[in-house]
Amino acid sequence: QAPIIRDRAEAAAKAAPGVAKDVAAKVGDTAKDVAGKVGDTAKDVAGKVGDTAKDVAGKVGDTAKDLSDKASATARDVADRAKEVASDVRDQAGRVAADLRGRGEALVDSAVQTAGTARDSAMDALDDADEALDERTKP
């Protein structure tokens, strides 16, 4: 059996470089295919990421513009409402001031009339006292 094993070993030794070469060639081809596919996939992913980034940037820009427009509109509405409230307060303050001025004038008139009436009463009392004194002192 030794000669058969030796023959087989020699045949295997002779065939080994060819088999190794074939395996190396297949591994190289497979590596090239994988590298090509990885490169294509990377290009596809990069393209999709770029497109997605552009879409997101566009949507962010649109959203920011919408928010800015809405904020400006809200600010204008608030400013307009504040002007209306200020005008209403100014008008109301004018009415209150006019009312108070009218009441004050009425109070002053009433106080003057009351003082005049009191003075007239005091003068009448003095006149009565003078007349009574005059009648006592008449001969």
Protein backbone atom coordinates (compact mmCIF):
# COMPACT_ATOMS: atom_id res chain seq x y z
CA GLN A 1 0.00 0.00 0.00
CA ALA A 2 2.86 2.33 0.48
CA PRO A 3 3.44 2.75 -3.23
CA ILE A 4 -0.24 3.74 -3.72
CA ILE A 5 -0.12 6.28 -0.87
CA ARG A 6 3.14 7.62 -2.24
CA ASP A 7 1.64 7.95 -5.77
CA ARG A 8 -1.35 9.74 -4.39
CA ALA A 9 0.80 12.04 -2.30
CA GLU A 10 2.93 12.86 -5.34
CA ALA A 11 -0.20 13.53 -7.43
CA ALA A 12 -1.61 15.75 -4.68
CA ALA A 13 1.69 17.59 -4.38
CA LYS A 14 1.77 18.16 -8.14
CA ALA A 15 -1.87 19.31 -8.18
CA ALA A 16 -1.62 21.55 -5.09
CA PRO A 17 -0.10 24.57 -6.85
CA GLY A 18 -2.80 24.46 -9.55
CA VAL A 19 -5.56 24.07 -6.97
CA ALA A 20 -4.12 26.91 -4.89
CA LYS A 21 -3.89 29.05 -8.00
CA ASP A 22 -7.52 28.27 -8.92
CA VAL A 23 -8.70 29.00 -5.35
CA ALA A 24 -6.70 32.23 -5.25
CA ALA A 25 -8.18 33.28 -8.60
CA LYS A 26 -11.72 32.53 -7.38
CA VAL A 27 -11.11 34.37 -4.11
CA GLY A 28 -9.70 37.34 -6.06
CA ASP A 29 -12.71 37.38 -8.41
CA THR A 30 -15.10 37.16 -5.49
CA ALA A 31 -13.25 39.95 -3.69
CA LYS A 32 -13.46 42.10 -6.84
CA ASP A 33 -17.20 41.41 -7.14
CA VAL A 34 -17.78 42.20 -3.45
CA ALA A 35 -15.68 45.38 -3.69
CA GLY A 36 -17.61 46.48 -6.78
CA LYS A 37 -20.95 45.79 -5.14
CA VAL A 38 -19.86 47.55 -1.92
CA GLY A 39 -18.73 50.55 -4.00
CA ASP A 40 -22.04 50.63 -5.90
CA THR A 41 -24.00 50.28 -2.67
CA ALA A 42 -21.94 53.07 -1.05
CA LYS A 43 -22.65 55.30 -4.06
CA ASP A 44 -26.39 54.51 -3.85
CA VAL A 45 -26.48 55.16 -0.09
CA ALA A 46 -24.53 58.41 -0.50
CA GLY A 47 -26.91 59.54 -3.25
CA LYS A 48 -29.97 58.70 -1.16
CA VAL A 49 -28.48 60.41 1.91
CA GLY A 50 -27.73 63.49 -0.19
CA ASP A 51 -31.27 63.55 -1.61
CA THR A 52 -32.75 63.06 1.86
CA ALA A 53 -30.57 65.84 3.26
CA LYS A 54 -31.72 68.16 0.48
CA ASP A 55 -35.37 67.28 1.17
CA VAL A 56 -34.93 67.81 4.90
CA ALA A 57 -33.13 71.12 4.35
CA GLY A 58 -35.90 72.27 2.02
CA LYS A 59 -38.62 71.26 4.48
CA VAL A 60 -36.77 72.90 7.38
CA GLY A 61 -36.46 76.07 5.33
CA ASP A 62 -40.14 76.00 4.42
CA THR A 63 -41.13 75.31 8.03
CA ALA A 64 -38.90 78.12 9.29
CA LYS A 65 -40.44 80.51 6.76
CA ASP A 66 -43.96 79.44 7.74
CA LEU A 67 -43.14 79.91 11.43
CA SER A 68 -41.60 83.30 10.71
CA ASP A 69 -44.67 84.36 8.72
CA LYS A 70 -47.01 83.14 11.47
CA ALA A 71 -44.95 84.86 14.17
CA SER A 72 -44.99 88.11 12.18
CA ALA A 73 -48.74 87.85 11.67
CA THR A 74 -49.25 87.13 15.37
CA ALA A 75 -47.05 90.08 16.32
CA ARG A 76 -49.06 92.34 14.01
CA ASP A 77 -52.32 91.06 15.52
CA VAL A 78 -51.02 91.66 19.05
CA ALA A 79 -49.81 95.16 18.14
CA ASP A 80 -53.17 96.00 16.53
CA ARG A 81 -55.05 94.70 19.56
CA ALA A 82 -52.77 96.66 21.91
CA LYS A 83 -53.49 99.83 19.92
CA GLU A 84 -57.23 99.16 20.18
CA VAL A 85 -57.01 98.57 23.92
CA ALA A 86 -54.89 101.70 24.40
CA SER A 87 -57.42 103.73 22.42
CA ASP A 88 -60.31 102.27 24.44
CA VAL A 89 -58.49 103.03 27.72
CA ARG A 90 -57.72 106.58 26.56
CA ASP A 91 -61.39 107.15 25.61
CA GLN A 92 -62.62 105.70 28.88
CA ALA A 93 -60.14 107.81 30.86
CA GLY A 94 -61.42 110.89 29.02
CA ARG A 95 -65.02 110.03 29.89
CA VAL A 96 -64.10 109.41 33.55
CA ALA A 97 -62.17 112.71 33.71
CA ALA A 98 -65.10 114.60 32.16
CA ASP A 99 -67.50 112.95 34.59
CA LEU A 100 -65.26 113.79 37.56
CA ARG A 101 -64.85 117.36 36.31
CA GLY A 102 -68.64 117.67 36.02
CA ARG A 103 -69.13 116.25 39.48
CA GLY A 104 -66.43 118.54 40.87
CA GLU A 105 -68.06 121.56 39.27
CA ALA A 106 -71.42 120.51 40.67
CA LEU A 107 -69.87 120.09 44.13
CA VAL A 108 -68.20 123.51 43.91
CA ASP A 109 -71.50 125.09 42.82
CA SER A 110 -73.30 123.33 45.67
CA ALA A 111 -70.62 124.42 48.17
CA VAL A 112 -70.81 128.04 46.94
CA GLN A 113 -74.59 128.02 47.19
CA THR A 114 -74.45 126.46 50.65
CA ALA A 115 -71.84 129.02 51.75
CA GLY A 116 -73.95 131.82 50.27
CA THR A 117 -77.05 130.57 52.04
CA ALA A 118 -75.12 130.27 55.32
CA ARG A 119 -73.72 133.80 54.87
CA ASP A 120 -77.21 135.14 54.10
CA SER A 121 -78.58 133.41 57.19
CA ALA A 122 -75.76 134.80 59.34
CA MET A 123 -76.28 138.28 57.90
CA ASP A 124 -80.04 138.04 58.54
CA ALA A 125 -79.33 137.03 62.13
CA LEU A 126 -76.96 139.98 62.53
CA ASP A 127 -79.48 142.34 60.95
CA ASP A 128 -82.15 141.05 63.32
CA ALA A 129 -79.80 141.52 66.25
CA ASP A 130 -78.97 145.08 65.09
CA GLU A 131 -82.65 145.94 64.71
CA ALA A 132 -83.43 144.57 68.13
CA LEU A 133 -80.61 146.61 69.58
CA ASP A 134 -81.78 149.68 67.75
CA GLU A 135 -85.28 149.30 69.13
CA ARG A 136 -83.98 149.02 72.67
CA THR A 137 -81.82 152.04 72.34
CA LYS A 138 -84.56 154.28 70.82
CA PRO A 139 -85.85 156.97 73.07
